[in-house]
Amino acid sequence: MGWVIACVLIALVGLVYLFLQAREVWRKARLLLGEVEAAAARAEAASQPTSHPAGPVRT
């Protein structure tokens, strides 16, 4: 009976460890996704033509 309790406790500790690792990976993935979205927004803003402060420039 002691073996069963030991195995269950080890399994519970393992599940808690896996949960904590998955939560950390999820946090890092969200942070990385936020950086990618910010970079995409910057690239999109940089590709937009900017107007001259004094109005359209005539050439």
Protein backbone atom coordinates (compact mmCIF):
# COMPACT_ATOMS: atom_id res chain seq x y z
CA MET A 1 0.00 0.00 0.00
CA GLY A 2 2.89 2.32 0.70
CA TRP A 3 4.11 1.85 -2.86
CA VAL A 4 0.79 3.06 -4.24
CA ILE A 5 0.82 6.22 -2.12
CA ALA A 6 4.43 6.93 -3.11
CA CYS A 7 3.63 6.48 -6.81
CA VAL A 8 0.58 8.73 -6.56
CA LEU A 9 2.59 11.43 -4.79
CA ILE A 10 5.36 11.23 -7.39
CA ALA A 11 2.78 11.47 -10.16
CA LEU A 12 1.16 14.51 -8.53
CA VAL A 13 4.52 16.25 -8.14
CA GLY A 14 5.29 15.48 -11.78
CA LEU A 15 1.94 16.89 -12.93
CA VAL A 16 2.46 20.08 -10.92
CA TYR A 17 5.94 20.44 -12.44
CA LEU A 18 4.57 19.95 -15.96
CA PHE A 19 1.81 22.48 -15.31
CA LEU A 20 4.31 25.07 -14.12
CA GLN A 21 6.54 24.46 -17.14
CA ALA A 22 3.60 24.74 -19.55
CA ARG A 23 2.52 27.99 -17.91
CA GLU A 24 6.02 29.43 -18.33
CA VAL A 25 6.17 28.35 -21.98
CA TRP A 26 2.72 29.91 -22.57
CA ARG A 27 3.87 33.19 -20.97
CA LYS A 28 7.00 33.32 -23.12
CA ALA A 29 5.02 32.49 -26.25
CA ARG A 30 2.55 35.31 -25.57
CA LEU A 31 5.42 37.72 -24.93
CA LEU A 32 7.10 36.68 -28.19
CA LEU A 33 3.82 36.96 -30.09
CA GLY A 34 3.37 40.48 -28.72
CA GLU A 35 6.85 41.42 -29.95
CA VAL A 36 6.11 39.96 -33.39
CA GLU A 37 2.83 41.86 -33.62
CA ALA A 38 4.53 45.09 -32.54
CA ALA A 39 7.25 44.60 -35.16
CA ALA A 40 4.62 43.94 -37.82
CA ALA A 41 2.76 47.11 -36.81
CA ARG A 42 6.01 49.11 -37.01
CA ALA A 43 6.78 47.65 -40.43
CA GLU A 44 3.27 48.47 -41.62
CA ALA A 45 3.54 52.04 -40.32
CA ALA A 46 6.95 52.47 -41.97
CA SER A 47 5.60 51.28 -45.31
CA GLN A 48 2.77 53.80 -45.32
CA PRO A 49 3.52 56.97 -47.28
CA THR A 50 3.86 59.93 -44.99
CA SER A 51 2.50 63.30 -45.96
CA HIS A 52 4.61 66.42 -45.80
CA PRO A 53 3.79 68.69 -42.80
CA ALA A 54 3.16 71.61 -45.15
CA GLY A 55 0.85 69.55 -47.35
CA PRO A 56 1.49 67.57 -50.48
CA VAL A 57 4.83 68.29 -52.09
CA ARG A 58 4.51 69.34 -55.76
CA THR A 59 7.28 68.27 -58.04
